[in-house]
C-alpha atoms as a PDB file:
ATOM      1  CA  MET A   1     -43.721 187.272  51.236  1.00  0.00           C
ATOM      2  CA  GLU A   2     -41.359 188.492  48.567  1.00  0.00           C
ATOM      3  CA  PHE A   3     -43.335 191.730  48.364  1.00  0.00           C
ATOM      4  CA  TYR A   4     -44.040 192.213  51.953  1.00  0.00           C
ATOM      5  CA  PHE A   5     -40.428 192.136  52.145  1.00  0.00           C
ATOM      6  CA  MET A   6     -40.020 194.527  49.399  1.00  0.00           C
ATOM      7  CA  LYS A   7     -42.170 196.771  50.433  1.00  0.00           C
ATOM      8  CA  GLU A   8     -40.937 197.240  53.938  1.00  0.00           C
ATOM      9  CA  ASN A   9     -38.061 197.447  52.754  1.00  0.00           C
ATOM     10  CA  ILE A  10     -38.404 200.550  50.788  1.00  0.00           C
ATOM     11  CA  LEU A  11     -40.857 201.944  53.687  1.00  0.00           C
ATOM     12  CA  SER A  12     -38.041 201.575  56.151  1.00  0.00           C
ATOM     13  CA  GLN A  13     -35.938 203.555  53.517  1.00  0.00           C
ATOM     14  CA  LEU A  14     -38.818 206.057  53.154  1.00  0.00           C
ATOM     15  CA  ARG A  15     -38.759 206.685  57.112  1.00  0.00           C
ATOM     16  CA  ARG A  16     -35.273 207.924  57.110  1.00  0.00           C
ATOM     17  CA  GLY A  17     -35.472 210.352  54.691  1.00  0.00           C
ATOM     18  CA  PHE A  18     -37.723 212.669  52.659  1.00  0.00           C
ATOM     19  CA  VAL A  19     -39.188 212.718  49.022  1.00  0.00           C
ATOM     20  CA  SER A  20     -38.149 215.288  46.558  1.00  0.00           C
ATOM     21  CA  SER A  21     -40.684 215.537  43.704  1.00  0.00           C
ATOM     22  CA  CYS A  22     -39.222 216.452  40.548  1.00  0.00           C
ATOM     23  CA  GLN A  23     -41.824 217.867  38.701  1.00  0.00           C
ATOM     24  CA  PRO A  24     -41.129 221.507  37.536  1.00  0.00           C
ATOM     25  CA  VAL A  25     -43.786 223.761  35.724  1.00  0.00           C
ATOM     26  CA  ASP A  26     -45.631 222.422  32.774  1.00  0.00           C
ATOM     27  CA  GLY A  27     -43.607 223.781  29.815  1.00  0.00           C
ATOM     28  CA  SER A  28     -40.939 225.328  31.630  1.00  0.00           C
ATOM     29  CA  PRO A  29     -37.235 225.626  29.971  1.00  0.00           C
ATOM     30  CA  MET A  30     -36.727 222.462  33.088  1.00  0.00           C
ATOM     31  CA  ASP A  31     -39.855 220.420  31.736  1.00  0.00           C
ATOM     32  CA  THR A  32     -37.652 218.188  29.658  1.00  0.00           C
ATOM     33  CA  PRO A  33     -36.305 214.494  30.596  1.00  0.00           C
ATOM     34  CA  GLU A  34     -32.793 215.209  30.639  1.00  0.00           C
ATOM     35  CA  ILE A  35     -33.062 218.129  33.131  1.00  0.00           C
ATOM     36  CA  ILE A  36     -35.631 216.011  35.183  1.00  0.00           C
ATOM     37  CA  ALA A  37     -32.993 212.732  35.412  1.00  0.00           C
ATOM     38  CA  ALA A  38     -30.025 215.635  36.696  1.00  0.00           C
ATOM     39  CA  MET A  39     -32.810 216.943  39.375  1.00  0.00           C
ATOM     40  CA  ALA A  40     -33.619 213.592  40.503  1.00  0.00           C
ATOM     41  CA  LYS A  41     -29.655 212.131  40.746  1.00  0.00           C
ATOM     42  CA  ALA A  42     -28.569 215.792  42.308  1.00  0.00           C
ATOM     43  CA  SER A  43     -31.792 215.221  44.889  1.00  0.00           C
ATOM     44  CA  GLU A  44     -30.065 211.888  45.938  1.00  0.00           C
ATOM     45  CA  ASP A  45     -27.054 213.118  45.930  1.00  0.00           C
ATOM     46  CA  GLY A  46     -28.519 215.612  48.739  1.00  0.00           C
ATOM     47  CA  GLY A  47     -30.298 212.613  50.897  1.00  0.00           C
ATOM     48  CA  ALA A  48     -33.600 212.042  49.162  1.00  0.00           C
ATOM     49  CA  ALA A  49     -34.706 208.952  50.358  1.00  0.00           C
ATOM     50  CA  GLY A  50     -37.426 208.945  47.378  1.00  0.00           C
ATOM     51  CA  LEU A  51     -38.506 210.760  44.291  1.00  0.00           C
ATOM     52  CA  ARG A  52     -41.833 211.568  42.616  1.00  0.00           C
ATOM     53  CA  ILE A  53     -41.794 211.483  39.293  1.00  0.00           C
ATOM     54  CA  GLU A  54     -44.409 212.364  36.323  1.00  0.00           C
ATOM     55  CA  GLY A  55     -45.044 210.903  33.038  1.00  0.00           C
ATOM     56  CA  ILE A  56     -43.499 207.689  31.288  1.00  0.00           C
ATOM     57  CA  ALA A  57     -41.140 209.512  29.656  1.00  0.00           C
ATOM     58  CA  ASN A  58     -39.519 211.246  32.526  1.00  0.00           C
ATOM     59  CA  LEU A  59     -39.351 208.139  34.792  1.00  0.00           C
ATOM     60  CA  LYS A  60     -37.417 206.301  32.066  1.00  0.00           C
ATOM     61  CA  ALA A  61     -34.914 209.167  32.098  1.00  0.00           C
ATOM     62  CA  VAL A  62     -35.357 208.908  36.110  1.00  0.00           C
ATOM     63  CA  VAL A  63     -34.225 205.361  36.572  1.00  0.00           C
ATOM     64  CA  LYS A  64     -31.418 205.212  34.469  1.00  0.00           C
ATOM     65  CA  VAL A  65     -29.824 207.397  37.087  1.00  0.00           C
ATOM     66  CA  VAL A  66     -30.800 206.837  40.585  1.00  0.00           C
ATOM     67  CA  SER A  67     -30.922 203.965  43.051  1.00  0.00           C
ATOM     68  CA  ILE A  68     -33.452 205.254  45.497  1.00  0.00           C
ATOM     69  CA  PRO A  69     -37.323 204.339  45.138  1.00  0.00           C
ATOM     70  CA  ILE A  70     -39.508 206.325  42.664  1.00  0.00           C
ATOM     71  CA  ILE A  71     -43.109 207.480  43.541  1.00  0.00           C
ATOM     72  CA  GLY A  72     -44.351 207.040  39.392  1.00  0.00           C
ATOM     73  CA  ILE A  73     -47.581 209.254  38.469  1.00  0.00           C
ATOM     74  CA  VAL A  74     -49.327 210.110  35.261  1.00  0.00           C
ATOM     75  CA  LYS A  75     -51.278 213.342  34.887  1.00  0.00           C
ATOM     76  CA  ARG A  76     -54.331 213.941  32.868  1.00  0.00           C
ATOM     77  CA  ASP A  77     -56.778 217.039  32.274  1.00  0.00           C
ATOM     78  CA  LEU A  78     -59.627 214.758  31.774  1.00  0.00           C
ATOM     79  CA  THR A  79     -62.935 216.294  30.032  1.00  0.00           C
ATOM     80  CA  ASP A  80     -65.712 213.422  32.179  1.00  0.00           C
ATOM     81  CA  PHE A  81     -63.993 213.602  35.445  1.00  0.00           C
ATOM     82  CA  PRO A  82     -62.227 216.182  37.753  1.00  0.00           C
ATOM     83  CA  ILE A  83     -59.366 213.654  39.108  1.00  0.00           C
ATOM     84  CA  ARG A  84     -55.797 214.261  37.157  1.00  0.00           C
ATOM     85  CA  ILE A  85     -53.068 211.620  39.290  1.00  0.00           C
ATOM     86  CA  THR A  86     -53.152 208.074  37.525  1.00  0.00           C
ATOM     87  CA  PRO A  87     -56.252 207.878  36.144  1.00  0.00           C
ATOM     88  CA  TYR A  88     -56.602 204.676  34.439  1.00  0.00           C
ATOM     89  CA  LEU A  89     -55.256 200.855  34.903  1.00  0.00           C
ATOM     90  CA  THR A  90     -53.481 201.767  31.768  1.00  0.00           C
ATOM     91  CA  ASP A  91     -51.732 204.445  33.679  1.00  0.00           C
ATOM     92  CA  VAL A  92     -50.577 201.885  36.245  1.00  0.00           C
ATOM     93  CA  VAL A  93     -49.331 199.235  33.871  1.00  0.00           C
ATOM     94  CA  ASP A  94     -46.792 201.778  31.900  1.00  0.00           C
ATOM     95  CA  LEU A  95     -45.498 203.071  35.500  1.00  0.00           C
ATOM     96  CA  ALA A  96     -44.878 199.699  36.719  1.00  0.00           C
ATOM     97  CA  LYS A  97     -42.918 199.028  33.170  1.00  0.00           C
ATOM     98  CA  ALA A  98     -41.463 202.099  33.324  1.00  0.00           C
ATOM     99  CA  GLY A  99     -39.660 201.418  36.154  1.00  0.00           C
ATOM    100  CA  ALA A 100     -41.847 202.668  39.677  1.00  0.00           C
ATOM    101  CA  SER A 101     -41.337 201.140  42.812  1.00  0.00           C
ATOM    102  CA  ILE A 102     -44.590 202.711  43.964  1.00  0.00           C
ATOM    103  CA  ILE A 103     -47.366 204.607  42.467  1.00  0.00           C
ATOM    104  CA  ALA A 104     -49.484 207.000  43.175  1.00  0.00           C
ATOM    105  CA  PHE A 105     -53.216 207.735  42.503  1.00  0.00           C
ATOM    106  CA  ASP A 106     -56.020 209.752  42.994  1.00  0.00           C
ATOM    107  CA  GLY A 107     -57.913 208.461  46.280  1.00  0.00           C
ATOM    108  CA  THR A 108     -60.603 211.033  46.805  1.00  0.00           C
ATOM    109  CA  ASP A 109     -64.187 209.800  46.569  1.00  0.00           C
ATOM    110  CA  ARG A 110     -64.548 212.032  43.157  1.00  0.00           C
ATOM    111  CA  ALA A 111     -65.949 210.483  40.027  1.00  0.00           C
ATOM    112  CA  ARG A 112     -63.505 208.603  38.025  1.00  0.00           C
ATOM    113  CA  PRO A 113     -63.159 206.545  35.394  1.00  0.00           C
ATOM    114  CA  ASP A 114     -61.553 203.378  37.072  1.00  0.00           C
ATOM    115  CA  ASN A 115     -62.461 202.650  40.598  1.00  0.00           C
ATOM    116  CA  ILE A 116     -59.879 202.258  43.471  1.00  0.00           C
ATOM    117  CA  LYS A 117     -59.771 198.734  44.138  1.00  0.00           C
ATOM    118  CA  ASN A 118     -59.096 198.476  40.806  1.00  0.00           C
ATOM    119  CA  ILE A 119     -56.399 200.665  40.687  1.00  0.00           C
ATOM    120  CA  ILE A 120     -54.589 199.268  43.584  1.00  0.00           C
ATOM    121  CA  ASP A 121     -55.346 195.531  42.392  1.00  0.00           C
ATOM    122  CA  THR A 122     -53.592 196.324  39.499  1.00  0.00           C
ATOM    123  CA  ILE A 123     -50.676 198.128  41.261  1.00  0.00           C
ATOM    124  CA  HIS A 124     -50.019 195.231  43.364  1.00  0.00           C
ATOM    125  CA  HIS A 125     -50.499 192.625  40.569  1.00  0.00           C
ATOM    126  CA  HIS A 126     -47.311 194.539  38.995  1.00  0.00           C
ATOM    127  CA  GLY A 127     -45.390 194.077  42.184  1.00  0.00           C
ATOM    128  CA  CYS A 128     -46.014 197.421  42.898  1.00  0.00           C
ATOM    129  CA  ILE A 129     -46.690 199.587  45.860  1.00  0.00           C
ATOM    130  CA  ALA A 130     -49.992 201.710  46.221  1.00  0.00           C
ATOM    131  CA  MET A 131     -49.867 205.536  47.411  1.00  0.00           C
ATOM    132  CA  ALA A 132     -53.613 206.871  47.993  1.00  0.00           C
ATOM    133  CA  ASP A 133     -52.977 210.857  47.560  1.00  0.00           C
ATOM    134  CA  CYS A 134     -56.066 211.558  49.318  1.00  0.00           C
ATOM    135  CA  SER A 135     -57.826 214.757  50.688  1.00  0.00           C
ATOM    136  CA  THR A 136     -59.615 213.884  53.964  1.00  0.00           C
ATOM    137  CA  VAL A 137     -59.167 211.835  56.705  1.00  0.00           C
ATOM    138  CA  GLU A 138     -62.521 209.727  55.413  1.00  0.00           C
ATOM    139  CA  GLU A 139     -60.748 209.167  52.003  1.00  0.00           C
ATOM    140  CA  ALA A 140     -57.215 208.042  53.863  1.00  0.00           C
ATOM    141  CA  LEU A 141     -59.427 205.583  55.879  1.00  0.00           C
ATOM    142  CA  ALA A 142     -60.988 204.247  53.078  1.00  0.00           C
ATOM    143  CA  CYS A 143     -57.829 203.556  50.420  1.00  0.00           C
ATOM    144  CA  SER A 144     -56.444 202.074  53.715  1.00  0.00           C
ATOM    145  CA  GLU A 145     -58.779 199.301  54.195  1.00  0.00           C
ATOM    146  CA  LEU A 146     -58.950 199.037  49.874  1.00  0.00           C
ATOM    147  CA  GLY A 147     -55.305 197.987  50.532  1.00  0.00           C
ATOM    148  CA  ALA A 148     -53.518 201.354  49.910  1.00  0.00           C
ATOM    149  CA  ASP A 149     -49.902 200.826  51.304  1.00  0.00           C
ATOM    150  CA  ILE A 150     -48.779 204.995  51.657  1.00  0.00           C
ATOM    151  CA  ILE A 151     -51.486 207.106  52.523  1.00  0.00           C
ATOM    152  CA  GLY A 152     -50.764 210.936  51.233  1.00  0.00           C
ATOM    153  CA  THR A 153     -51.993 214.113  51.919  1.00  0.00           C
ATOM    154  CA  THR A 154     -51.183 215.060  48.442  1.00  0.00           C
ATOM    155  CA  LEU A 155     -55.034 216.544  47.937  1.00  0.00           C
ATOM    156  CA  SER A 156     -55.887 218.391  51.194  1.00  0.00           C
ATOM    157  CA  GLY A 157     -57.023 221.567  49.965  1.00  0.00           C
ATOM    158  CA  TYR A 158     -56.848 221.173  46.265  1.00  0.00           C
ATOM    159  CA  CYS A 159     -60.395 219.568  45.479  1.00  0.00           C
ATOM    160  CA  GLY A 160     -62.158 222.791  46.629  1.00  0.00           C
ATOM    161  CA  GLU A 161     -62.271 226.913  45.615  1.00  0.00           C
ATOM    162  CA  TYR A 162     -59.706 227.664  47.977  1.00  0.00           C
ATOM    163  CA  THR A 163     -56.429 226.398  48.534  1.00  0.00           C
ATOM    164  CA  PRO A 164     -54.602 227.240  52.251  1.00  0.00           C
ATOM    165  CA  ILE A 165     -51.330 228.499  52.371  1.00  0.00           C
ATOM    166  CA  GLU A 166     -50.524 226.343  55.609  1.00  0.00           C
ATOM    167  CA  PRO A 167     -50.070 222.154  55.436  1.00  0.00           C
ATOM    168  CA  ASP A 168     -52.579 220.623  56.581  1.00  0.00           C
ATOM    169  CA  PHE A 169     -50.950 219.491  59.918  1.00  0.00           C
ATOM    170  CA  GLU A 170     -53.763 218.392  61.557  1.00  0.00           C
ATOM    171  CA  PHE A 171     -54.801 215.920  58.893  1.00  0.00           C
ATOM    172  CA  VAL A 172     -51.484 214.245  59.660  1.00  0.00           C
ATOM    173  CA  GLU A 173     -51.723 214.378  62.829  1.00  0.00           C
ATOM    174  CA  THR A 174     -55.006 212.692  62.688  1.00  0.00           C
ATOM    175  CA  ILE A 175     -53.708 209.720  60.439  1.00  0.00           C
ATOM    176  CA  SER A 176     -50.759 209.172  61.674  1.00  0.00           C
ATOM    177  CA  LYS A 177     -52.761 207.679  64.094  1.00  0.00           C
ATOM    178  CA  MET A 178     -54.436 205.092  62.789  1.00  0.00           C
ATOM    179  CA  ASP A 179     -52.457 201.836  61.745  1.00  0.00           C
ATOM    180  CA  MET A 180     -51.249 203.395  57.853  1.00  0.00           C
ATOM    181  CA  PHE A 181     -48.028 205.039  56.927  1.00  0.00           C
ATOM    182  CA  VAL A 182     -48.906 208.489  56.208  1.00  0.00           C
ATOM    183  CA  MET A 183     -47.102 211.035  53.517  1.00  0.00           C
ATOM    184  CA  ALA A 184     -47.002 214.284  54.023  1.00  0.00           C
ATOM    185  CA  GLU A 185     -47.400 216.294  51.033  1.00  0.00           C
ATOM    186  CA  GLY A 186     -48.563 219.826  50.003  1.00  0.00           C
ATOM    187  CA  ARG A 187     -47.503 223.202  50.729  1.00  0.00           C
ATOM    188  CA  TYR A 188     -43.993 221.507  52.515  1.00  0.00           C
ATOM    189  CA  ASN A 189     -42.322 224.502  50.951  1.00  0.00           C
ATOM    190  CA  SER A 190     -39.449 225.265  53.466  1.00  0.00           C
ATOM    191  CA  PRO A 191     -37.431 223.003  56.201  1.00  0.00           C
ATOM    192  CA  ILE A 192     -39.146 223.997  59.082  1.00  0.00           C
ATOM    193  CA  LEU A 193     -41.877 222.725  57.594  1.00  0.00           C
ATOM    194  CA  ALA A 194     -40.727 219.679  56.694  1.00  0.00           C
ATOM    195  CA  GLU A 195     -39.531 219.294  60.028  1.00  0.00           C
ATOM    196  CA  LYS A 196     -43.019 220.150  61.789  1.00  0.00           C
ATOM    197  CA  ALA A 197     -44.196 217.460  59.141  1.00  0.00           C
ATOM    198  CA  ILE A 198     -42.552 214.799  61.105  1.00  0.00           C
ATOM    199  CA  LEU A 199     -43.183 216.235  64.548  1.00  0.00           C
ATOM    200  CA  SER A 200     -46.657 215.932  63.459  1.00  0.00           C
ATOM    201  CA  GLY A 201     -46.252 212.058  62.658  1.00  0.00           C
ATOM    202  CA  ALA A 202     -45.798 211.169  59.467  1.00  0.00           C
ATOM    203  CA  ASP A 203     -43.351 208.968  58.262  1.00  0.00           C
ATOM    204  CA  CYS A 204     -41.788 210.831  55.565  1.00  0.00           C
ATOM    205  CA  VAL A 205     -42.816 213.862  54.128  1.00  0.00           C
ATOM    206  CA  THR A 206     -42.571 214.708  50.026  1.00  0.00           C
ATOM    207  CA  ILE A 207     -41.211 218.473  49.231  1.00  0.00           C
ATOM    208  CA  GLY A 208     -41.948 219.905  45.677  1.00  0.00           C
ATOM    209  CA  SER A 209     -41.875 223.330  44.556  1.00  0.00           C
ATOM    210  CA  ALA A 210     -39.170 224.468  47.146  1.00  0.00           C
ATOM    211  CA  ILE A 211     -36.761 221.811  45.282  1.00  0.00           C
ATOM    212  CA  THR A 212     -37.763 221.548  41.825  1.00  0.00           C
ATOM    213  CA  ARG A 213     -39.694 224.810  40.427  1.00  0.00           C
ATOM    214  CA  ILE A 214     -37.454 227.364  39.829  1.00  0.00           C
ATOM    215  CA  GLU A 215     -40.709 229.632  38.488  1.00  0.00           C
ATOM    216  CA  HIS A 216     -42.449 229.398  42.038  1.00  0.00           C
ATOM    217  CA  ILE A 217     -38.786 229.985  43.979  1.00  0.00           C
ATOM    218  CA  CYS A 218     -38.121 233.009  42.341  1.00  0.00           C
ATOM    219  CA  ASP A 219     -41.763 234.508  42.714  1.00  0.00           C
ATOM    220  CA  TRP A 220     -41.481 234.166  46.237  1.00  0.00           C
ATOM    221  CA  PHE A 221     -38.049 235.668  46.307  1.00  0.00           C
ATOM    222  CA  ASN A 222     -39.298 238.439  43.634  1.00  0.00           C
ATOM    223  CA  ARG A 223     -42.839 239.382  46.249  1.00  0.00           C
ATOM    224  CA  SER A 224     -40.241 239.602  49.103  1.00  0.00           C
ATOM    225  CA  VAL A 225     -37.631 241.456  47.641  1.00  0.00           C
ATOM    226  CA  ASN A 226     -40.311 244.184  46.018  1.00  0.00           C
ATOM    227  CA  ASN A 227     -42.049 244.268  49.662  1.00  0.00           C
ATOM    228  CA  ALA A 228     -39.146 245.101  51.299  1.00  0.00           C
ATOM    229  CA  ARG A 229     -38.630 248.302  48.953  1.00  0.00           C
ATOM    230  CA  LEU A 230     -42.267 249.893  49.440  1.00  0.00           C
ATOM    231  CA  LEU A 231     -41.652 249.633  53.288  1.00  0.00           C
ATOM    232  CA  LYS A 232     -38.409 251.753  52.518  1.00  0.00           C
ATOM    233  CA  VAL A 233     -40.355 254.493  51.076  1.00  0.00           C
END
């Protein structure tokens, strides 16, 4: 009963805003726990209803300065498996101990070291909400049936050879008609696209690069400015 009320309170809070994914480009000057914590606090001050934070050290730094729910993940580049997001049960335990209220994991149907049911059960055992990062409607349904509390469209377009430019609104629209909490995520890099996510049926939307990846933002403007110069010639 206690978990149910905690879950409903957090999901209700997420429905009132958006999630800021504070994940700088790997190895960039911004990629330190102190700067990520500052990004997280600035996001909260700017109206974010939740945060998505990668890495135990970063999570520990962020929980000290914010009061909104945190989606915790661990990314790993594995040699034997294609998945990257929270692949191990030990990652779940570490994220829970570090203060995540929500733990996200790869919810695709690809090979993995620990099966999805065990991941979800371990997340719930530690009193956290389970979020499945999926790439297809079929995966979303499977994860929901296994007990995932949040379904993210996070990996749509990222599991094949081609990554589309636009977000997968059709994915959002389809699963929003089913009995699940839908987190629109993946390529929502403008306020207009974020608005369209909600209009498409998402309960919440996660914004990443447009907020916290300065190198990407600068590249967008750089290319636009240089294109304009070419048009002037």
